[in-house]
Every structure is written in structure tokens, then in C-alpha cells.
Amino acid sequence: MPASGTFGYGTEYGELLDVQRLGAIVTKGVTRRPWDGNTQPRIWETAAGVLNSVGLENIGVEAVVRHKAPLWATWDVPVIVNIAGHSIEEYAEVAAMLDTVPGVAGVELNISCPNVSRGGLEFGTSPDSASRVTAAVRATTGLPLIVKLSPNVTDVASIATAVVSAGADAVCLINTLRGMAVDIETRTSRLGTPSGGLSGPAIKPVALYMVHAVAHTVDVPVIGCGGISTAEDALEFIMAGATAVQVGTATFTNARSMLEIVDGIASFMERHGVADIGELRGVL
């Protein structure tokens, strides 16, 4: 499936690939009201990935329900809506507005947003705040609930345990690593903000390590994300314990990368006589 923020609302790539062949579609982050996002520039290519500071620009949940969900309801592929907010109340309100909406198959909770009531610290940086926002969302929706974990923490396994105890049906990791780039001529940030989120091949070893650690800690499905661009990458995550994977930055350079990964996994299974992908899960 695509990683949130890299595939729009699922419609933008319709002429480039058959989205129905994907396991699921994860939308860009959706908030209670439209967000303008951060100032330009928002993207800076690094030696082994991309720094982004998009700032969750989106049309807001009401427009998503009105204009996007009716189309999703006609698709066979399930659509998971990534949600974000600056307060627990905002997260819960967005989730409630998506509950029972035809075309919405699940919710992915982005807990890497700054918590304005706690001085701007990310919800996902402590087990307490992560579990509280998860529990609040769980109370407002019967939809399958995925929590996307931040890698910018000391012990990701403890946070995974906390959100599962609070009602998460699955966890996804990792979100982007914090990073920055400097223009030495102008002596300013390469982005419109001082820092951004690093994604792409550079973060794959970190993501793989964290997926392995969490998959051996919780008893819910783990979705691996971070630097996956080939079938070999995806299989590494599955062997480390992931049930599914998300692809993000690779789609920017090759719009068909996800379908090539699907085909590559099938070829690997055929070559090695693997009848069910579950035979490979967690074998590491």
C-alpha cells in the first residue's frame, strides 16, 4: 500500500497504474478543517532520500467525506484514511466523522503531530500521550484502527505496546526521521521550515530494526514502512515480522514501483516454492 502523504487521495495516480491491484490505499493526512501546510520550499532531495516539510496540507474531513469517499465506495481496493490533529479532541472528531462513511475502510492515526496542549511535543513520543489519543479515537469509531509510530523516540516497542493496549488493531512504522539541510550560500534552510522529515533508502535500516523489535513485542499486525523501493526490500520487512508494507518515496521516482514490488514478491515465492506469504513472515 502507499505510505500516507505520497499518494494523494488515491485518485492522482489513476492514469499511471491500476490502483485496484494494491492491497489498500492510504490517503494523505486529513484534519478537521483544511490546512494550508508549510511555506515553500517543501521538498529537498538528499543523497539517499528526500526531506519534506509539506505540513499536512489537505482539504479537511468534510470535503473528503463529500467529494472523495463516494468514489472510494465504487472501488474494490480498501481505502484507509490517515488522520491528524493538534489535540486529542481534534483526532477524535475527525475519526467520528469518518465512522460508517461508505468508502472508508479504516483509519490510520498519525501521532507525529505536535500536541499544542503539551507545548508542541509529538503525541507519539511517550506511551502516555500515544495511548490517550489512541483510546480517544477508538471510542469514536468502529473502523479498523492503525497507529503510525514515530521513530524519533528512545523505545518504540513500549509505545507500540501502549497503543495496542489502548485499542489499536495494527501498528505502522516508521514515520519520517527528523532532518535538515542548509544552503551555505544563503545561510538558510533548504526548506521553508528549519527542519523536515527524512524518508527514502537512508532510513530503511532504522525502519527494519524497529519493525523487527515491535513485531516481537505486540500481538497485532505490523505494517513496515521506510525506504522500501524493491521486492527485496519488502521481503526483508516481511521476514522481520511485517504483515504488510507501505511504499512512499519510491513512488516519486517510479510511479509503478508498488506494482513492481507486488510482481517481484510473487516471482520470489514461485522461485522458492512458497505457497503463502505467511510462511515468510517473521522467519528472521
C-alpha atoms as a PDB file:
ATOM      1  CA  MET A   1       0.000   0.000   0.000  1.00  0.00           C
ATOM      2  CA  PRO A   2       1.180   3.585  -0.427  1.00  0.00           C
ATOM      3  CA  ALA A   3       2.512   5.472   2.565  1.00  0.00           C
ATOM      4  CA  SER A   4       0.423   8.407   3.696  1.00  0.00           C
ATOM      5  CA  GLY A   5       1.337  11.690   2.056  1.00  0.00           C
ATOM      6  CA  THR A   6       2.842  10.107  -1.049  1.00  0.00           C
ATOM      7  CA  PHE A   7      -0.276   9.077  -2.986  1.00  0.00           C
ATOM      8  CA  GLY A   8      -2.728  11.932  -2.501  1.00  0.00           C
ATOM      9  CA  TYR A   9      -6.279  10.694  -2.080  1.00  0.00           C
ATOM     10  CA  GLY A  10      -5.709   7.691  -4.345  1.00  0.00           C
ATOM     11  CA  THR A  11      -7.046   9.356  -7.481  1.00  0.00           C
ATOM     12  CA  GLU A  12      -3.935  11.252  -8.562  1.00  0.00           C
ATOM     13  CA  TYR A  13      -2.152   8.158  -9.918  1.00  0.00           C
ATOM     14  CA  GLY A  14      -5.192   6.653 -11.632  1.00  0.00           C
ATOM     15  CA  GLU A  15      -3.817   7.097 -15.146  1.00  0.00           C
ATOM     16  CA  LEU A  16      -0.388   5.706 -14.252  1.00  0.00           C
ATOM     17  CA  LEU A  17      -1.231   2.431 -12.531  1.00  0.00           C
ATOM     18  CA  ASP A  18      -4.114   0.132 -11.666  1.00  0.00           C
ATOM     19  CA  VAL A  19      -4.828   1.063  -8.048  1.00  0.00           C
ATOM     20  CA  GLN A  20      -7.135  -1.947  -7.758  1.00  0.00           C
ATOM     21  CA  ARG A  21      -4.067  -4.214  -7.704  1.00  0.00           C
ATOM     22  CA  LEU A  22      -2.827  -2.707  -4.455  1.00  0.00           C
ATOM     23  CA  GLY A  23      -3.555  -4.261  -1.069  1.00  0.00           C
ATOM     24  CA  ALA A  24      -5.014  -0.976   0.157  1.00  0.00           C
ATOM     25  CA  ILE A  25      -4.698   2.762  -0.361  1.00  0.00           C
ATOM     26  CA  VAL A  26      -3.668   5.089   2.464  1.00  0.00           C
ATOM     27  CA  THR A  27      -4.616   8.716   1.923  1.00  0.00           C
ATOM     28  CA  LYS A  28      -2.668  11.819   2.790  1.00  0.00           C
ATOM     29  CA  GLY A  29      -3.276  13.166   6.280  1.00  0.00           C
ATOM     30  CA  VAL A  30      -6.783  14.544   6.859  1.00  0.00           C
ATOM     31  CA  THR A  31      -7.649  17.065   9.574  1.00  0.00           C
ATOM     32  CA  ARG A  32     -10.858  18.545  10.996  1.00  0.00           C
ATOM     33  CA  ARG A  33     -10.565  21.686   8.873  1.00  0.00           C
ATOM     34  CA  PRO A  34      -8.469  22.380   5.771  1.00  0.00           C
ATOM     35  CA  TRP A  35      -4.776  23.007   6.426  1.00  0.00           C
ATOM     36  CA  ASP A  36      -2.654  25.183   4.135  1.00  0.00           C
ATOM     37  CA  GLY A  37       0.550  23.369   5.000  1.00  0.00           C
ATOM     38  CA  ASN A  38       4.016  24.850   5.376  1.00  0.00           C
ATOM     39  CA  THR A  39       5.700  27.569   3.335  1.00  0.00           C
ATOM     40  CA  GLN A  40       7.713  26.737   0.235  1.00  0.00           C
ATOM     41  CA  PRO A  41      10.076  25.096  -0.478  1.00  0.00           C
ATOM     42  CA  ARG A  42       8.662  21.874   0.932  1.00  0.00           C
ATOM     43  CA  ILE A  43      10.874  19.215  -0.663  1.00  0.00           C
ATOM     44  CA  TRP A  44      14.648  18.777  -0.796  1.00  0.00           C
ATOM     45  CA  GLU A  45      16.317  15.761  -2.344  1.00  0.00           C
ATOM     46  CA  THR A  46      19.189  14.292  -0.324  1.00  0.00           C
ATOM     47  CA  ALA A  47      21.901  11.818  -1.299  1.00  0.00           C
ATOM     48  CA  ALA A  48      19.780   8.848  -0.226  1.00  0.00           C
ATOM     49  CA  GLY A  49      16.255  10.122   0.154  1.00  0.00           C
ATOM     50  CA  VAL A  50      14.045  13.171   0.486  1.00  0.00           C
ATOM     51  CA  LEU A  51      13.465  15.802   3.140  1.00  0.00           C
ATOM     52  CA  ASN A  52       9.899  17.057   3.211  1.00  0.00           C
ATOM     53  CA  SER A  53       8.088  19.757   5.122  1.00  0.00           C
ATOM     54  CA  VAL A  54       4.674  19.696   3.484  1.00  0.00           C
ATOM     55  CA  GLY A  55       2.856  20.335   6.750  1.00  0.00           C
ATOM     56  CA  LEU A  56      -0.152  18.076   6.115  1.00  0.00           C
ATOM     57  CA  GLU A  57      -1.810  20.297   3.527  1.00  0.00           C
ATOM     58  CA  ASN A  58      -5.299  18.869   2.979  1.00  0.00           C
ATOM     59  CA  ILE A  59      -8.893  19.748   2.135  1.00  0.00           C
ATOM     60  CA  GLY A  60     -10.365  18.826   5.525  1.00  0.00           C
ATOM     61  CA  VAL A  61     -12.542  15.912   6.586  1.00  0.00           C
ATOM     62  CA  GLU A  62     -15.872  17.394   5.458  1.00  0.00           C
ATOM     63  CA  ALA A  63     -14.621  17.770   1.875  1.00  0.00           C
ATOM     64  CA  VAL A  64     -13.138  14.274   1.993  1.00  0.00           C
ATOM     65  CA  VAL A  65     -16.481  12.783   3.044  1.00  0.00           C
ATOM     66  CA  ARG A  66     -18.365  14.817   0.448  1.00  0.00           C
ATOM     67  CA  HIS A  67     -16.067  14.593  -2.585  1.00  0.00           C
ATOM     68  CA  LYS A  68     -13.655  11.652  -2.144  1.00  0.00           C
ATOM     69  CA  ALA A  69     -15.479   8.921  -0.235  1.00  0.00           C
ATOM     70  CA  PRO A  70     -18.251   8.419  -2.840  1.00  0.00           C
ATOM     71  CA  LEU A  71     -15.616   7.487  -5.426  1.00  0.00           C
ATOM     72  CA  TRP A  72     -13.783   5.210  -2.984  1.00  0.00           C
ATOM     73  CA  ALA A  73     -17.052   3.392  -2.374  1.00  0.00           C
ATOM     74  CA  THR A  74     -17.032   2.262  -6.018  1.00  0.00           C
ATOM     75  CA  TRP A  75     -13.547   0.708  -5.728  1.00  0.00           C
ATOM     76  CA  ASP A  76     -12.701  -2.855  -4.742  1.00  0.00           C
ATOM     77  CA  VAL A  77      -9.455  -1.779  -3.069  1.00  0.00           C
ATOM     78  CA  PRO A  78      -9.983  -0.630   0.546  1.00  0.00           C
ATOM     79  CA  VAL A  79      -9.156   2.990   1.378  1.00  0.00           C
ATOM     80  CA  ILE A  80      -7.621   3.832   4.759  1.00  0.00           C
ATOM     81  CA  VAL A  81      -7.807   7.485   5.782  1.00  0.00           C
ATOM     82  CA  ASN A  82      -4.793   8.857   7.633  1.00  0.00           C
ATOM     83  CA  ILE A  83      -5.926  11.385  10.246  1.00  0.00           C
ATOM     84  CA  ALA A  84      -4.044  14.090  12.131  1.00  0.00           C
ATOM     85  CA  GLY A  85      -4.664  16.886  14.593  1.00  0.00           C
ATOM     86  CA  HIS A  86      -3.178  19.216  17.168  1.00  0.00           C
ATOM     87  CA  SER A  87      -5.341  17.993  20.042  1.00  0.00           C
ATOM     88  CA  ILE A  88      -6.884  14.738  21.213  1.00  0.00           C
ATOM     89  CA  GLU A  89     -10.322  16.251  20.672  1.00  0.00           C
ATOM     90  CA  GLU A  90      -9.498  17.041  17.042  1.00  0.00           C
ATOM     91  CA  TYR A  91      -8.323  13.496  16.346  1.00  0.00           C
ATOM     92  CA  ALA A  92     -11.465  12.066  17.898  1.00  0.00           C
ATOM     93  CA  GLU A  93     -13.739  14.411  15.986  1.00  0.00           C
ATOM     94  CA  VAL A  94     -12.179  13.523  12.635  1.00  0.00           C
ATOM     95  CA  ALA A  95     -12.444   9.804  13.374  1.00  0.00           C
ATOM     96  CA  ALA A  96     -16.082  10.171  14.384  1.00  0.00           C
ATOM     97  CA  MET A  97     -16.906  11.984  11.147  1.00  0.00           C
ATOM     98  CA  LEU A  98     -15.389   9.127   9.119  1.00  0.00           C
ATOM     99  CA  ASP A  99     -17.118   6.349  11.029  1.00  0.00           C
ATOM    100  CA  THR A 100     -19.740   4.489   8.923  1.00  0.00           C
ATOM    101  CA  VAL A 101     -18.918   6.577   5.817  1.00  0.00           C
ATOM    102  CA  PRO A 102     -19.210   4.338   2.737  1.00  0.00           C
ATOM    103  CA  GLY A 103     -15.838   4.061   1.029  1.00  0.00           C
ATOM    104  CA  VAL A 104     -13.780   4.452   4.212  1.00  0.00           C
ATOM    105  CA  ALA A 105     -12.382   1.049   5.194  1.00  0.00           C
ATOM    106  CA  GLY A 106     -10.162   2.089   8.099  1.00  0.00           C
ATOM    107  CA  VAL A 107      -8.292   4.849   9.897  1.00  0.00           C
ATOM    108  CA  GLU A 108      -4.556   5.361  10.259  1.00  0.00           C
ATOM    109  CA  LEU A 109      -3.604   7.568  13.191  1.00  0.00           C
ATOM    110  CA  ASN A 110      -0.672   9.922  12.580  1.00  0.00           C
ATOM    111  CA  ILE A 111       0.708  10.554  16.067  1.00  0.00           C
ATOM    112  CA  SER A 112       3.725  12.513  14.835  1.00  0.00           C
ATOM    113  CA  CYS A 113       1.767  15.782  15.039  1.00  0.00           C
ATOM    114  CA  PRO A 114       2.702  18.382  17.667  1.00  0.00           C
ATOM    115  CA  ASN A 115       0.377  18.400  20.673  1.00  0.00           C
ATOM    116  CA  VAL A 116      -0.424  22.077  21.194  1.00  0.00           C
ATOM    117  CA  SER A 117      -1.776  21.495  24.705  1.00  0.00           C
ATOM    118  CA  ARG A 118       1.504  19.879  25.747  1.00  0.00           C
ATOM    119  CA  GLY A 119       3.895  22.515  24.426  1.00  0.00           C
ATOM    120  CA  GLY A 120       4.241  21.116  20.916  1.00  0.00           C
ATOM    121  CA  LEU A 121       5.661  17.698  21.800  1.00  0.00           C
ATOM    122  CA  GLU A 122       4.577  14.963  19.396  1.00  0.00           C
ATOM    123  CA  PHE A 123       1.764  12.686  20.579  1.00  0.00           C
ATOM    124  CA  GLY A 124       3.881   9.697  19.623  1.00  0.00           C
ATOM    125  CA  THR A 125       6.907  10.492  21.764  1.00  0.00           C
ATOM    126  CA  SER A 126       5.578   8.999  25.015  1.00  0.00           C
ATOM    127  CA  PRO A 127       3.492   5.917  25.843  1.00  0.00           C
ATOM    128  CA  ASP A 128       1.076   8.070  27.859  1.00  0.00           C
ATOM    129  CA  SER A 129       0.188  10.603  25.164  1.00  0.00           C
ATOM    130  CA  ALA A 130       0.178   7.953  22.447  1.00  0.00           C
ATOM    131  CA  SER A 131      -2.208   5.726  24.378  1.00  0.00           C
ATOM    132  CA  ARG A 132      -4.525   8.601  25.306  1.00  0.00           C
ATOM    133  CA  VAL A 133      -5.036   9.763  21.729  1.00  0.00           C
ATOM    134  CA  THR A 134      -5.446   6.156  20.567  1.00  0.00           C
ATOM    135  CA  ALA A 135      -8.081   5.469  23.223  1.00  0.00           C
ATOM    136  CA  ALA A 136      -9.964   8.656  22.333  1.00  0.00           C
ATOM    137  CA  VAL A 137     -10.117   7.688  18.663  1.00  0.00           C
ATOM    138  CA  ARG A 138     -11.009   4.090  19.497  1.00  0.00           C
ATOM    139  CA  ALA A 139     -14.009   5.342  21.463  1.00  0.00           C
ATOM    140  CA  THR A 140     -15.399   7.225  18.451  1.00  0.00           C
ATOM    141  CA  THR A 141     -15.094   4.670  15.660  1.00  0.00           C
ATOM    142  CA  GLY A 142     -15.672   1.008  14.951  1.00  0.00           C
ATOM    143  CA  LEU A 143     -13.386   1.144  11.923  1.00  0.00           C
ATOM    144  CA  PRO A 144     -10.122  -0.816  11.923  1.00  0.00           C
ATOM    145  CA  LEU A 145      -7.549   1.430  13.621  1.00  0.00           C
ATOM    146  CA  ILE A 146      -3.878   1.557  12.625  1.00  0.00           C
ATOM    147  CA  VAL A 147      -1.468   3.729  14.622  1.00  0.00           C
ATOM    148  CA  LYS A 148       1.567   5.027  12.728  1.00  0.00           C
ATOM    149  CA  LEU A 149       4.524   5.292  15.093  1.00  0.00           C
ATOM    150  CA  SER A 150       7.277   7.892  15.155  1.00  0.00           C
ATOM    151  CA  PRO A 151      10.915   6.719  15.040  1.00  0.00           C
ATOM    152  CA  ASN A 152      12.022   9.821  16.938  1.00  0.00           C
ATOM    153  CA  VAL A 153      11.789   8.046  20.297  1.00  0.00           C
ATOM    154  CA  THR A 154      14.003   6.101  22.697  1.00  0.00           C
ATOM    155  CA  ASP A 155      11.872   2.949  22.963  1.00  0.00           C
ATOM    156  CA  VAL A 156       9.415   2.408  20.117  1.00  0.00           C
ATOM    157  CA  ALA A 157       8.353  -1.014  21.454  1.00  0.00           C
ATOM    158  CA  SER A 158       6.956   0.492  24.659  1.00  0.00           C
ATOM    159  CA  ILE A 159       4.910   2.986  22.661  1.00  0.00           C
ATOM    160  CA  ALA A 160       3.639   0.206  20.393  1.00  0.00           C
ATOM    161  CA  THR A 161       2.575  -1.757  23.460  1.00  0.00           C
ATOM    162  CA  ALA A 162       0.770   1.290  24.848  1.00  0.00           C
ATOM    163  CA  VAL A 163      -1.282   1.978  21.705  1.00  0.00           C
ATOM    164  CA  VAL A 164      -2.215  -1.683  21.315  1.00  0.00           C
ATOM    165  CA  SER A 165      -3.430  -1.720  24.922  1.00  0.00           C
ATOM    166  CA  ALA A 166      -5.467   1.404  24.108  1.00  0.00           C
ATOM    167  CA  GLY A 167      -7.270  -0.279  21.218  1.00  0.00           C
ATOM    168  CA  ALA A 168      -5.082  -0.195  18.097  1.00  0.00           C
ATOM    169  CA  ASP A 169      -5.824  -3.052  15.686  1.00  0.00           C
ATOM    170  CA  ALA A 170      -2.427  -2.692  13.990  1.00  0.00           C
ATOM    171  CA  VAL A 171       0.672  -0.510  14.072  1.00  0.00           C
ATOM    172  CA  CYS A 172       2.633   1.028  11.212  1.00  0.00           C
ATOM    173  CA  LEU A 173       6.273   2.058  11.424  1.00  0.00           C
ATOM    174  CA  ILE A 174       8.181   4.075  10.784  1.00  0.00           C
ATOM    175  CA  ASN A 175       7.216   7.656  10.058  1.00  0.00           C
ATOM    176  CA  THR A 176       9.959  10.007   8.870  1.00  0.00           C
ATOM    177  CA  LEU A 177      13.135  10.775  10.796  1.00  0.00           C
ATOM    178  CA  ARG A 178      13.819  14.393  11.674  1.00  0.00           C
ATOM    179  CA  GLY A 179      16.421  16.012   9.446  1.00  0.00           C
ATOM    180  CA  MET A 180      17.579  19.245   7.866  1.00  0.00           C
ATOM    181  CA  ALA A 181      19.624  20.682   5.016  1.00  0.00           C
ATOM    182  CA  VAL A 182      21.455  24.019   4.828  1.00  0.00           C
ATOM    183  CA  ASP A 183      22.137  26.305   1.860  1.00  0.00           C
ATOM    184  CA  ILE A 184      25.640  27.576   2.657  1.00  0.00           C
ATOM    185  CA  GLU A 185      25.396  30.424   0.122  1.00  0.00           C
ATOM    186  CA  THR A 186      22.267  31.968   1.603  1.00  0.00           C
ATOM    187  CA  ARG A 187      22.944  30.531   5.071  1.00  0.00           C
ATOM    188  CA  THR A 188      19.341  29.401   5.354  1.00  0.00           C
ATOM    189  CA  SER A 189      17.408  26.160   5.472  1.00  0.00           C
ATOM    190  CA  ARG A 190      16.827  24.381   2.166  1.00  0.00           C
ATOM    191  CA  LEU A 191      13.209  24.054   3.305  1.00  0.00           C
ATOM    192  CA  GLY A 192      10.678  26.711   4.187  1.00  0.00           C
ATOM    193  CA  THR A 193      10.965  25.474   7.770  1.00  0.00           C
ATOM    194  CA  PRO A 194      14.133  24.825   9.805  1.00  0.00           C
ATOM    195  CA  SER A 195      13.752  21.045   9.547  1.00  0.00           C
ATOM    196  CA  GLY A 196      11.705  18.341   7.889  1.00  0.00           C
ATOM    197  CA  GLY A 197      11.099  14.622   7.717  1.00  0.00           C
ATOM    198  CA  LEU A 198      13.651  12.336   6.071  1.00  0.00           C
ATOM    199  CA  SER A 199      12.350   9.415   4.021  1.00  0.00           C
ATOM    200  CA  GLY A 200      13.763   7.104   1.382  1.00  0.00           C
ATOM    201  CA  PRO A 201      16.543   4.481   1.265  1.00  0.00           C
ATOM    202  CA  ALA A 202      18.559   6.203   4.001  1.00  0.00           C
ATOM    203  CA  ILE A 203      16.056   5.270   6.702  1.00  0.00           C
ATOM    204  CA  LYS A 204      15.479   1.632   5.688  1.00  0.00           C
ATOM    205  CA  PRO A 205      17.931   0.061   8.199  1.00  0.00           C
ATOM    206  CA  VAL A 206      16.346   2.054  11.038  1.00  0.00           C
ATOM    207  CA  ALA A 207      12.837   1.093   9.936  1.00  0.00           C
ATOM    208  CA  LEU A 208      13.767  -2.573   9.560  1.00  0.00           C
ATOM    209  CA  TYR A 209      15.262  -2.677  13.043  1.00  0.00           C
ATOM    210  CA  MET A 210      12.210  -1.046  14.615  1.00  0.00           C
ATOM    211  CA  VAL A 211       9.758  -3.300  12.760  1.00  0.00           C
ATOM    212  CA  HIS A 212      11.668  -6.342  13.981  1.00  0.00           C
ATOM    213  CA  ALA A 213      11.624  -5.065  17.567  1.00  0.00           C
ATOM    214  CA  VAL A 214       7.917  -4.244  17.562  1.00  0.00           C
ATOM    215  CA  ALA A 215       6.812  -7.394  15.720  1.00  0.00           C
ATOM    216  CA  HIS A 216       8.347  -9.435  18.531  1.00  0.00           C
ATOM    217  CA  THR A 217       6.619  -7.307  21.181  1.00  0.00           C
ATOM    218  CA  VAL A 218       2.961  -6.877  20.149  1.00  0.00           C
ATOM    219  CA  ASP A 219       0.370  -9.406  19.023  1.00  0.00           C
ATOM    220  CA  VAL A 220      -1.291  -7.293  16.311  1.00  0.00           C
ATOM    221  CA  PRO A 221      -0.246  -6.918  12.664  1.00  0.00           C
ATOM    222  CA  VAL A 222       2.763  -4.694  11.997  1.00  0.00           C
ATOM    223  CA  ILE A 223       2.974  -2.667   8.786  1.00  0.00           C
ATOM    224  CA  GLY A 224       6.542  -1.923   7.692  1.00  0.00           C
ATOM    225  CA  CYS A 225       7.378   1.429   6.131  1.00  0.00           C
ATOM    226  CA  GLY A 226      10.612   3.258   5.408  1.00  0.00           C
ATOM    227  CA  GLY A 227      12.909   3.079   2.401  1.00  0.00           C
ATOM    228  CA  ILE A 228      11.114   0.274   0.567  1.00  0.00           C
ATOM    229  CA  SER A 229      11.640   0.526  -3.182  1.00  0.00           C
ATOM    230  CA  THR A 230      12.051  -3.087  -4.399  1.00  0.00           C
ATOM    231  CA  ALA A 231      10.552  -6.510  -3.800  1.00  0.00           C
ATOM    232  CA  GLU A 232      13.738  -7.452  -1.952  1.00  0.00           C
ATOM    233  CA  ASP A 233      13.205  -4.536   0.444  1.00  0.00           C
ATOM    234  CA  ALA A 234       9.605  -5.564   1.070  1.00  0.00           C
ATOM    235  CA  LEU A 235      10.582  -9.176   1.685  1.00  0.00           C
ATOM    236  CA  GLU A 236      13.160  -8.091   4.251  1.00  0.00           C
ATOM    237  CA  PHE A 237      10.412  -6.357   6.218  1.00  0.00           C
ATOM    238  CA  ILE A 238       8.104  -9.366   5.957  1.00  0.00           C
ATOM    239  CA  MET A 239      10.858 -11.696   7.134  1.00  0.00           C
ATOM    240  CA  ALA A 240      11.492  -9.297  10.022  1.00  0.00           C
ATOM    241  CA  GLY A 241       7.850  -9.681  11.067  1.00  0.00           C
ATOM    242  CA  ALA A 242       5.759  -7.269   8.994  1.00  0.00           C
ATOM    243  CA  THR A 243       2.326  -8.391   7.843  1.00  0.00           C
ATOM    244  CA  ALA A 244       2.192  -5.726   5.121  1.00  0.00           C
ATOM    245  CA  VAL A 245       4.327  -2.878   3.799  1.00  0.00           C
ATOM    246  CA  GLN A 246       3.904   0.712   2.680  1.00  0.00           C
ATOM    247  CA  VAL A 247       5.854   2.386  -0.124  1.00  0.00           C
ATOM    248  CA  GLY A 248       6.411   6.124  -0.177  1.00  0.00           C
ATOM    249  CA  THR A 249       9.406   7.935  -1.667  1.00  0.00           C
ATOM    250  CA  ALA A 250       9.969   5.265  -4.333  1.00  0.00           C
ATOM    251  CA  THR A 251       6.664   6.254  -5.948  1.00  0.00           C
ATOM    252  CA  PHE A 252       8.056   9.730  -6.660  1.00  0.00           C
ATOM    253  CA  THR A 253      10.788   8.337  -8.901  1.00  0.00           C
ATOM    254  CA  ASN A 254       8.819   5.399 -10.298  1.00  0.00           C
ATOM    255  CA  ALA A 255       5.033   5.662 -10.201  1.00  0.00           C
ATOM    256  CA  ARG A 256       4.696   1.913 -10.822  1.00  0.00           C
ATOM    257  CA  SER A 257       7.081   0.857  -8.067  1.00  0.00           C
ATOM    258  CA  MET A 258       4.351  -0.677  -5.888  1.00  0.00           C
ATOM    259  CA  LEU A 259       3.089  -2.926  -8.698  1.00  0.00           C
ATOM    260  CA  GLU A 260       6.648  -3.963  -9.496  1.00  0.00           C
ATOM    261  CA  ILE A 261       7.083  -4.895  -5.833  1.00  0.00           C
ATOM    262  CA  VAL A 262       3.872  -6.957  -5.930  1.00  0.00           C
ATOM    263  CA  ASP A 263       5.082  -8.799  -9.035  1.00  0.00           C
ATOM    264  CA  GLY A 264       8.556  -9.235  -7.571  1.00  0.00           C
ATOM    265  CA  ILE A 265       7.219 -10.833  -4.404  1.00  0.00           C
ATOM    266  CA  ALA A 266       5.113 -13.227  -6.483  1.00  0.00           C
ATOM    267  CA  SER A 267       8.185 -14.172  -8.543  1.00  0.00           C
ATOM    268  CA  PHE A 268      10.238 -14.788  -5.395  1.00  0.00           C
ATOM    269  CA  MET A 269       7.525 -17.017  -3.950  1.00  0.00           C
ATOM    270  CA  GLU A 270       7.309 -19.018  -7.166  1.00  0.00           C
ATOM    271  CA  ARG A 271      11.092 -19.473  -7.372  1.00  0.00           C
ATOM    272  CA  HIS A 272      11.306 -20.638  -3.771  1.00  0.00           C
ATOM    273  CA  GLY A 273       8.154 -22.758  -3.696  1.00  0.00           C
ATOM    274  CA  VAL A 274       6.373 -20.537  -1.170  1.00  0.00           C
ATOM    275  CA  ALA A 275       2.610 -21.076  -1.351  1.00  0.00           C
ATOM    276  CA  ASP A 276       1.570 -18.451   1.230  1.00  0.00           C
ATOM    277  CA  ILE A 277       3.333 -15.203   2.124  1.00  0.00           C
ATOM    278  CA  GLY A 278       2.653 -16.068   5.771  1.00  0.00           C
ATOM    279  CA  GLU A 279       5.359 -18.734   5.516  1.00  0.00           C
ATOM    280  CA  LEU A 280       7.925 -15.919   5.283  1.00  0.00           C
ATOM    281  CA  ARG A 281       6.550 -13.642   7.991  1.00  0.00           C
ATOM    282  CA  GLY A 282       8.871 -13.345  10.951  1.00  0.00           C
ATOM    283  CA  VAL A 283      11.297 -16.063   9.845  1.00  0.00           C
ATOM    284  CA  LEU A 284      14.293 -13.880  10.738  1.00  0.00           C
END
